[in-house]
Each structure stands twice: as C-alpha cells, then as structure tokens.
Amino acid sequence: MRHRIRLQALVMFLGLIALVGYDWSQLVADAQAIPAFARKYGFSCNVCHVPGFPKLNDTGKCVSRSRLSSGFGTRSAYL
C-alpha cells in the first residue's frame, strides 16, 4: 500500500514538472535566424531547428559545420 502511494506521488510530481517545463518553454523568445537556407532549398525551419526552441538539431549542426558547402545542395541529402 505504501509503495503504491509513493508511486502515485512520483507520477504526479513528474507530471507537474512536465507541465511547468512546457509552460516555461512558451517564454523562450523566437529565434532571430534568417531563413535563407530553408527558402533556398524549400525546407521548413524544423528541418534544422528543434521545434519551439532556437536550437539546432543534428541536421542543423551538420549544415552549420559544413558552412553550407557542397553536398547540401539537394533535398535528398537531408531525408
């Protein structure tokens, strides 16, 4: 019985943390990036950026490291 109560309390606590984290994520300012790469190749911004945060995902890091050099001219390179 005590174990079940502790488990319920833990689940409620983690749910509260998730809710607060989601709420705080709405306070993050929009990225001030220039979407030239996305426009040039017809991608959405989420191809290179993590949704909701001005942070690069793995594809964005790869593009950033390559400085948009050869190999990134085709859409199939990202898919």
PDB file of N, CA and C in Angstrom:
ATOM      1  N   MET A   1       0.821  -1.193   0.000  1.00  0.00           N
ATOM      2  CA  MET A   1       0.000   0.000   0.000  1.00  0.00           C
ATOM      3  C   MET A   1       0.865   1.257   0.000  1.00  0.00           C
ATOM      4  N   ARG A   2       1.909   1.260   0.857  1.00  0.00           N
ATOM      5  CA  ARG A   2       2.789   2.433   0.909  1.00  0.00           C
ATOM      6  C   ARG A   2       3.523   2.615  -0.410  1.00  0.00           C
ATOM      7  N   HIS A   3       3.897   1.492  -1.027  1.00  0.00           N
ATOM      8  CA  HIS A   3       4.621   1.550  -2.292  1.00  0.00           C
ATOM      9  C   HIS A   3       3.748   2.181  -3.384  1.00  0.00           C
ATOM     10  N   ARG A   4       2.474   1.838  -3.391  1.00  0.00           N
ATOM     11  CA  ARG A   4       1.549   2.382  -4.386  1.00  0.00           C
ATOM     12  C   ARG A   4       1.370   3.887  -4.205  1.00  0.00           C
ATOM     13  N   ILE A   5       1.292   4.341  -2.962  1.00  0.00           N
ATOM     14  CA  ILE A   5       1.142   5.772  -2.689  1.00  0.00           C
ATOM     15  C   ILE A   5       2.389   6.526  -3.142  1.00  0.00           C
ATOM     16  N   ARG A   6       3.568   5.959  -2.877  1.00  0.00           N
ATOM     17  CA  ARG A   6       4.808   6.598  -3.322  1.00  0.00           C
ATOM     18  C   ARG A   6       4.871   6.670  -4.844  1.00  0.00           C
ATOM     19  N   LEU A   7       4.451   5.619  -5.517  1.00  0.00           N
ATOM     20  CA  LEU A   7       4.451   5.601  -6.970  1.00  0.00           C
ATOM     21  C   LEU A   7       3.494   6.655  -7.520  1.00  0.00           C
ATOM     22  N   GLN A   8       2.309   6.782  -6.938  1.00  0.00           N
ATOM     23  CA  GLN A   8       1.354   7.794  -7.372  1.00  0.00           C
ATOM     24  C   GLN A   8       1.913   9.195  -7.146  1.00  0.00           C
ATOM     25  N   ALA A   9       2.572   9.413  -6.015  1.00  0.00           N
ATOM     26  CA  ALA A   9       3.158  10.714  -5.721  1.00  0.00           C
ATOM     27  C   ALA A   9       4.268  11.036  -6.726  1.00  0.00           C
ATOM     28  N   LEU A  10       5.072  10.036  -7.065  1.00  0.00           N
ATOM     29  CA  LEU A  10       6.139  10.239  -8.040  1.00  0.00           C
ATOM     30  C   LEU A  10       5.570  10.588  -9.411  1.00  0.00           C
ATOM     31  N   VAL A  11       4.547   9.883  -9.827  1.00  0.00           N
ATOM     32  CA  VAL A  11       3.916  10.155 -11.120  1.00  0.00           C
ATOM     33  C   VAL A  11       3.322  11.565 -11.136  1.00  0.00           C
ATOM     34  N   MET A  12       2.672  11.951 -10.078  1.00  0.00           N
ATOM     35  CA  MET A  12       2.100  13.305 -10.007  1.00  0.00           C
ATOM     36  C   MET A  12       3.207  14.361 -10.028  1.00  0.00           C
ATOM     37  N   PHE A  13       4.301  14.118  -9.317  1.00  0.00           N
ATOM     38  CA  PHE A  13       5.414  15.056  -9.281  1.00  0.00           C
ATOM     39  C   PHE A  13       6.044  15.213 -10.661  1.00  0.00           C
ATOM     40  N   LEU A  14       6.272  14.098 -11.364  1.00  0.00           N
ATOM     41  CA  LEU A  14       6.842  14.165 -12.704  1.00  0.00           C
ATOM     42  C   LEU A  14       5.894  14.849 -13.683  1.00  0.00           C
ATOM     43  N   GLY A  15       4.609  14.615 -13.530  1.00  0.00           N
ATOM     44  CA  GLY A  15       3.622  15.302 -14.363  1.00  0.00           C
ATOM     45  C   GLY A  15       3.645  16.800 -14.136  1.00  0.00           C
ATOM     46  N   LEU A  16       3.788  17.204 -12.879  1.00  0.00           N
ATOM     47  CA  LEU A  16       3.868  18.624 -12.551  1.00  0.00           C
ATOM     48  C   LEU A  16       5.118  19.250 -13.154  1.00  0.00           C
ATOM     49  N   ILE A  17       6.238  18.549 -13.077  1.00  0.00           N
ATOM     50  CA  ILE A  17       7.480  19.057 -13.672  1.00  0.00           C
ATOM     51  C   ILE A  17       7.320  19.209 -15.185  1.00  0.00           C
ATOM     52  N   ALA A  18       6.696  18.233 -15.828  1.00  0.00           N
ATOM     53  CA  ALA A  18       6.479  18.309 -17.277  1.00  0.00           C
ATOM     54  C   ALA A  18       5.577  19.490 -17.626  1.00  0.00           C
ATOM     55  N   LEU A  19       4.548  19.699 -16.848  1.00  0.00           N
ATOM     56  CA  LEU A  19       3.630  20.805 -17.107  1.00  0.00           C
ATOM     57  C   LEU A  19       4.321  22.149 -16.940  1.00  0.00           C
ATOM     58  N   VAL A  20       5.085  22.292 -15.882  1.00  0.00           N
ATOM     59  CA  VAL A  20       5.806  23.551 -15.643  1.00  0.00           C
ATOM     60  C   VAL A  20       6.858  23.765 -16.732  1.00  0.00           C
ATOM     61  N   GLY A  21       7.566  22.705 -17.124  1.00  0.00           N
ATOM     62  CA  GLY A  21       8.561  22.830 -18.184  1.00  0.00           C
ATOM     63  C   GLY A  21       7.941  23.252 -19.499  1.00  0.00           C
ATOM     64  N   TYR A  22       6.794  22.690 -19.819  1.00  0.00           N
ATOM     65  CA  TYR A  22       6.098  23.086 -21.045  1.00  0.00           C
ATOM     66  C   TYR A  22       5.653  24.536 -20.961  1.00  0.00           C
ATOM     67  N   ASP A  23       5.149  24.944 -19.813  1.00  0.00           N
ATOM     68  CA  ASP A  23       4.704  26.316 -19.632  1.00  0.00           C
ATOM     69  C   ASP A  23       5.876  27.275 -19.779  1.00  0.00           C
ATOM     70  N   TRP A  24       7.017  26.945 -19.205  1.00  0.00           N
ATOM     71  CA  TRP A  24       8.194  27.811 -19.311  1.00  0.00           C
ATOM     72  C   TRP A  24       8.741  27.862 -20.726  1.00  0.00           C
ATOM     73  N   SER A  25       8.554  26.789 -21.478  1.00  0.00           N
ATOM     74  CA  SER A  25       9.067  26.788 -22.847  1.00  0.00           C
ATOM     75  C   SER A  25       8.355  27.824 -23.716  1.00  0.00           C
ATOM     76  N   GLN A  26       7.178  28.225 -23.322  1.00  0.00           N
ATOM     77  CA  GLN A  26       6.451  29.251 -24.069  1.00  0.00           C
ATOM     78  C   GLN A  26       7.057  30.630 -23.871  1.00  0.00           C
ATOM     79  N   LEU A  27       7.892  30.794 -22.853  1.00  0.00           N
ATOM     80  CA  LEU A  27       8.508  32.081 -22.561  1.00  0.00           C
ATOM     81  C   LEU A  27       9.781  32.312 -23.363  1.00  0.00           C
ATOM     82  N   VAL A  28      10.283  31.277 -24.037  1.00  0.00           N
ATOM     83  CA  VAL A  28      11.508  31.402 -24.816  1.00  0.00           C
ATOM     84  C   VAL A  28      11.220  32.271 -26.032  1.00  0.00           C
ATOM     85  N   ALA A  29      12.103  33.222 -26.263  1.00  0.00           N
ATOM     86  CA  ALA A  29      11.920  34.127 -27.403  1.00  0.00           C
ATOM     87  C   ALA A  29      12.121  33.358 -28.713  1.00  0.00           C
ATOM     88  N   ASP A  30      11.497  33.857 -29.758  1.00  0.00           N
ATOM     89  CA  ASP A  30      11.654  33.248 -31.073  1.00  0.00           C
ATOM     90  C   ASP A  30      13.090  33.417 -31.552  1.00  0.00           C
ATOM     91  N   ALA A  31      13.551  32.459 -32.339  1.00  0.00           N
ATOM     92  CA  ALA A  31      14.880  32.555 -32.923  1.00  0.00           C
ATOM     93  C   ALA A  31      14.891  33.691 -33.933  1.00  0.00           C
ATOM     94  N   GLN A  32      15.937  34.426 -33.955  1.00  0.00           N
ATOM     95  CA  GLN A  32      16.057  35.537 -34.890  1.00  0.00           C
ATOM     96  C   GLN A  32      16.911  35.131 -36.091  1.00  0.00           C
ATOM     97  N   ALA A  33      16.792  33.889 -36.484  1.00  0.00           N
ATOM     98  CA  ALA A  33      17.568  33.371 -37.601  1.00  0.00           C
ATOM     99  C   ALA A  33      16.993  33.867 -38.916  1.00  0.00           C
ATOM    100  N   ILE A  34      17.846  33.938 -39.902  1.00  0.00           N
ATOM    101  CA  ILE A  34      17.421  34.304 -41.249  1.00  0.00           C
ATOM    102  C   ILE A  34      17.161  33.004 -42.000  1.00  0.00           C
ATOM    103  N   PRO A  35      15.954  32.801 -42.503  1.00  0.00           N
ATOM    104  CA  PRO A  35      15.616  31.511 -43.118  1.00  0.00           C
ATOM    105  C   PRO A  35      16.054  31.384 -44.577  1.00  0.00           C
ATOM    106  N   ALA A  36      17.209  31.951 -44.933  1.00  0.00           N
ATOM    107  CA  ALA A  36      17.654  31.909 -46.329  1.00  0.00           C
ATOM    108  C   ALA A  36      17.883  30.481 -46.812  1.00  0.00           C
ATOM    109  N   PHE A  37      18.499  29.642 -45.977  1.00  0.00           N
ATOM    110  CA  PHE A  37      18.760  28.258 -46.373  1.00  0.00           C
ATOM    111  C   PHE A  37      17.447  27.513 -46.593  1.00  0.00           C
ATOM    112  N   ALA A  38      16.503  27.678 -45.668  1.00  0.00           N
ATOM    113  CA  ALA A  38      15.217  26.996 -45.792  1.00  0.00           C
ATOM    114  C   ALA A  38      14.474  27.465 -47.033  1.00  0.00           C
ATOM    115  N   ARG A  39      14.523  28.737 -47.319  1.00  0.00           N
ATOM    116  CA  ARG A  39      13.843  29.247 -48.516  1.00  0.00           C
ATOM    117  C   ARG A  39      14.526  28.766 -49.794  1.00  0.00           C
ATOM    118  N   LYS A  40      15.849  28.768 -49.781  1.00  0.00           N
ATOM    119  CA  LYS A  40      16.589  28.369 -50.975  1.00  0.00           C
ATOM    120  C   LYS A  40      16.298  26.930 -51.374  1.00  0.00           C
ATOM    121  N   TYR A  41      16.221  26.025 -50.387  1.00  0.00           N
ATOM    122  CA  TYR A  41      16.033  24.612 -50.681  1.00  0.00           C
ATOM    123  C   TYR A  41      14.616  24.116 -50.436  1.00  0.00           C
ATOM    124  N   GLY A  42      13.708  24.999 -50.045  1.00  0.00           N
ATOM    125  CA  GLY A  42      12.310  24.621 -49.887  1.00  0.00           C
ATOM    126  C   GLY A  42      12.009  23.795 -48.649  1.00  0.00           C
ATOM    127  N   PHE A  43      12.796  23.971 -47.589  1.00  0.00           N
ATOM    128  CA  PHE A  43      12.582  23.249 -46.332  1.00  0.00           C
ATOM    129  C   PHE A  43      11.791  24.104 -45.357  1.00  0.00           C
ATOM    130  N   SER A  44      11.206  23.451 -44.367  1.00  0.00           N
ATOM    131  CA  SER A  44      10.673  24.215 -43.244  1.00  0.00           C
ATOM    132  C   SER A  44      11.825  24.432 -42.273  1.00  0.00           C
ATOM    133  N   CYS A  45      11.674  25.376 -41.368  1.00  0.00           N
ATOM    134  CA  CYS A  45      12.735  25.681 -40.405  1.00  0.00           C
ATOM    135  C   CYS A  45      13.027  24.497 -39.487  1.00  0.00           C
ATOM    136  N   ASN A  46      12.004  23.622 -39.287  1.00  0.00           N
ATOM    137  CA  ASN A  46      12.168  22.493 -38.377  1.00  0.00           C
ATOM    138  C   ASN A  46      13.074  21.399 -38.930  1.00  0.00           C
ATOM    139  N   VAL A  47      13.500  21.517 -40.166  1.00  0.00           N
ATOM    140  CA  VAL A  47      14.459  20.551 -40.704  1.00  0.00           C
ATOM    141  C   VAL A  47      15.793  20.709 -39.963  1.00  0.00           C
ATOM    142  N   CYS A  48      16.173  21.937 -39.656  1.00  0.00           N
ATOM    143  CA  CYS A  48      17.451  22.199 -38.986  1.00  0.00           C
ATOM    144  C   CYS A  48      17.311  22.599 -37.521  1.00  0.00           C
ATOM    145  N   HIS A  49      16.133  23.060 -37.126  1.00  0.00           N
ATOM    146  CA  HIS A  49      15.944  23.561 -35.765  1.00  0.00           C
ATOM    147  C   HIS A  49      14.992  22.677 -34.969  1.00  0.00           C
ATOM    148  N   VAL A  50      15.219  22.615 -33.665  1.00  0.00           N
ATOM    149  CA  VAL A  50      14.332  21.912 -32.749  1.00  0.00           C
ATOM    150  C   VAL A  50      13.066  22.753 -32.616  1.00  0.00           C
ATOM    151  N   PRO A  51      11.873  22.163 -32.794  1.00  0.00           N
ATOM    152  CA  PRO A  51      10.636  22.938 -32.695  1.00  0.00           C
ATOM    153  C   PRO A  51      10.485  23.592 -31.322  1.00  0.00           C
ATOM    154  N   GLY A  52      10.145  24.869 -31.319  1.00  0.00           N
ATOM    155  CA  GLY A  52       9.879  25.596 -30.077  1.00  0.00           C
ATOM    156  C   GLY A  52      11.093  26.216 -29.430  1.00  0.00           C
ATOM    157  N   PHE A  53      12.281  25.884 -29.896  1.00  0.00           N
ATOM    158  CA  PHE A  53      13.488  26.429 -29.283  1.00  0.00           C
ATOM    159  C   PHE A  53      14.441  26.907 -30.368  1.00  0.00           C
ATOM    160  N   PRO A  54      15.164  27.980 -30.117  1.00  0.00           N
ATOM    161  CA  PRO A  54      16.172  28.424 -31.095  1.00  0.00           C
ATOM    162  C   PRO A  54      17.443  27.599 -30.968  1.00  0.00           C
ATOM    163  N   LYS A  55      17.344  26.319 -31.246  1.00  0.00           N
ATOM    164  CA  LYS A  55      18.457  25.387 -31.086  1.00  0.00           C
ATOM    165  C   LYS A  55      18.510  24.485 -32.312  1.00  0.00           C
ATOM    166  N   LEU A  56      19.720  24.120 -32.745  1.00  0.00           N
ATOM    167  CA  LEU A  56      19.878  23.259 -33.905  1.00  0.00           C
ATOM    168  C   LEU A  56      19.731  21.796 -33.532  1.00  0.00           C
ATOM    169  N   ASN A  57      19.109  21.027 -34.435  1.00  0.00           N
ATOM    170  CA  ASN A  57      19.077  19.574 -34.274  1.00  0.00           C
ATOM    171  C   ASN A  57      20.304  18.999 -34.989  1.00  0.00           C
ATOM    172  N   ASP A  58      20.380  17.696 -35.148  1.00  0.00           N
ATOM    173  CA  ASP A  58      21.562  17.066 -35.759  1.00  0.00           C
ATOM    174  C   ASP A  58      21.779  17.539 -37.192  1.00  0.00           C
ATOM    175  N   THR A  59      20.709  17.679 -37.959  1.00  0.00           N
ATOM    176  CA  THR A  59      20.838  18.148 -39.334  1.00  0.00           C
ATOM    177  C   THR A  59      21.357  19.578 -39.361  1.00  0.00           C
ATOM    178  N   GLY A  60      20.830  20.416 -38.502  1.00  0.00           N
ATOM    179  CA  GLY A  60      21.278  21.807 -38.433  1.00  0.00           C
ATOM    180  C   GLY A  60      22.730  21.927 -38.037  1.00  0.00           C
ATOM    181  N   LYS A  61      23.169  21.075 -37.112  1.00  0.00           N
ATOM    182  CA  LYS A  61      24.580  21.091 -36.709  1.00  0.00           C
ATOM    183  C   LYS A  61      25.472  20.669 -37.866  1.00  0.00           C
ATOM    184  N   CYS A  62      25.007  19.687 -38.636  1.00  0.00           N
ATOM    185  CA  CYS A  62      25.775  19.209 -39.787  1.00  0.00           C
ATOM    186  C   CYS A  62      25.900  20.318 -40.839  1.00  0.00           C
ATOM    187  N   VAL A  63      24.811  21.010 -41.102  1.00  0.00           N
ATOM    188  CA  VAL A  63      24.826  22.109 -42.068  1.00  0.00           C
ATOM    189  C   VAL A  63      25.719  23.232 -41.568  1.00  0.00           C
ATOM    190  N   SER A  64      25.629  23.546 -40.289  1.00  0.00           N
ATOM    191  CA  SER A  64      26.442  24.612 -39.711  1.00  0.00           C
ATOM    192  C   SER A  64      27.933  24.287 -39.796  1.00  0.00           C
ATOM    193  N   ARG A  65      28.276  23.025 -39.501  1.00  0.00           N
ATOM    194  CA  ARG A  65      29.685  22.629 -39.575  1.00  0.00           C
ATOM    195  C   ARG A  65      30.209  22.685 -41.003  1.00  0.00           C
ATOM    196  N   SER A  66      29.367  22.358 -41.961  1.00  0.00           N
ATOM    197  CA  SER A  66      29.816  22.314 -43.352  1.00  0.00           C
ATOM    198  C   SER A  66      29.829  23.705 -43.980  1.00  0.00           C
ATOM    199  N   ARG A  67      29.251  24.664 -43.290  1.00  0.00           N
ATOM    200  CA  ARG A  67      29.161  26.043 -43.807  1.00  0.00           C
ATOM    201  C   ARG A  67      28.458  26.078 -45.157  1.00  0.00           C
ATOM    202  N   LEU A  68      27.450  25.239 -45.279  1.00  0.00           N
ATOM    203  CA  LEU A  68      26.626  25.165 -46.486  1.00  0.00           C
ATOM    204  C   LEU A  68      27.449  24.835 -47.719  1.00  0.00           C
ATOM    205  N   SER A  69      28.471  24.024 -47.561  1.00  0.00           N
ATOM    206  CA  SER A  69      29.328  23.674 -48.682  1.00  0.00           C
ATOM    207  C   SER A  69      28.695  22.566 -49.520  1.00  0.00           C
ATOM    208  N   SER A  70      29.441  22.018 -50.435  1.00  0.00           N
ATOM    209  CA  SER A  70      28.909  21.008 -51.348  1.00  0.00           C
ATOM    210  C   SER A  70      28.374  19.804 -50.584  1.00  0.00           C
ATOM    211  N   GLY A  71      27.407  19.141 -51.165  1.00  0.00           N
ATOM    212  CA  GLY A  71      26.762  18.013 -50.520  1.00  0.00           C
ATOM    213  C   GLY A  71      25.457  18.395 -49.870  1.00  0.00           C
ATOM    214  N   PHE A  72      25.191  19.689 -49.778  1.00  0.00           N
ATOM    215  CA  PHE A  72      23.955  20.142 -49.187  1.00  0.00           C
ATOM    216  C   PHE A  72      23.077  20.872 -50.189  1.00  0.00           C
ATOM    217  N   GLY A  73      23.308  20.592 -51.453  1.00  0.00           N
ATOM    218  CA  GLY A  73      22.535  21.271 -52.483  1.00  0.00           C
ATOM    219  C   GLY A  73      21.271  20.557 -52.883  1.00  0.00           C
ATOM    220  N   THR A  74      21.091  19.334 -52.440  1.00  0.00           N
ATOM    221  CA  THR A  74      19.913  18.592 -52.827  1.00  0.00           C
ATOM    222  C   THR A  74      19.068  18.253 -51.621  1.00  0.00           C
ATOM    223  N   ARG A  75      17.802  18.190 -51.835  1.00  0.00           N
ATOM    224  CA  ARG A  75      16.880  17.891 -50.749  1.00  0.00           C
ATOM    225  C   ARG A  75      17.091  16.474 -50.207  1.00  0.00           C
ATOM    226  N   SER A  76      17.481  15.541 -51.053  1.00  0.00           N
ATOM    227  CA  SER A  76      17.630  14.157 -50.618  1.00  0.00           C
ATOM    228  C   SER A  76      18.789  13.989 -49.641  1.00  0.00           C
ATOM    229  N   ALA A  77      19.704  14.950 -49.569  1.00  0.00           N
ATOM    230  CA  ALA A  77      20.810  14.855 -48.631  1.00  0.00           C
ATOM    231  C   ALA A  77      20.317  14.918 -47.192  1.00  0.00           C
ATOM    232  N   TYR A  78      19.121  15.449 -46.954  1.00  0.00           N
ATOM    233  CA  TYR A  78      18.594  15.619 -45.607  1.00  0.00           C
ATOM    234  C   TYR A  78      17.577  14.557 -45.229  1.00  0.00           C
ATOM    235  N   LEU A  79      17.044  13.866 -46.202  1.00  0.00           N
ATOM    236  CA  LEU A  79      15.965  12.930 -45.915  1.00  0.00           C
ATOM    237  C   LEU A  79      16.432  11.552 -45.661  1.00  0.00           C
TER     238      LEU A  79
END
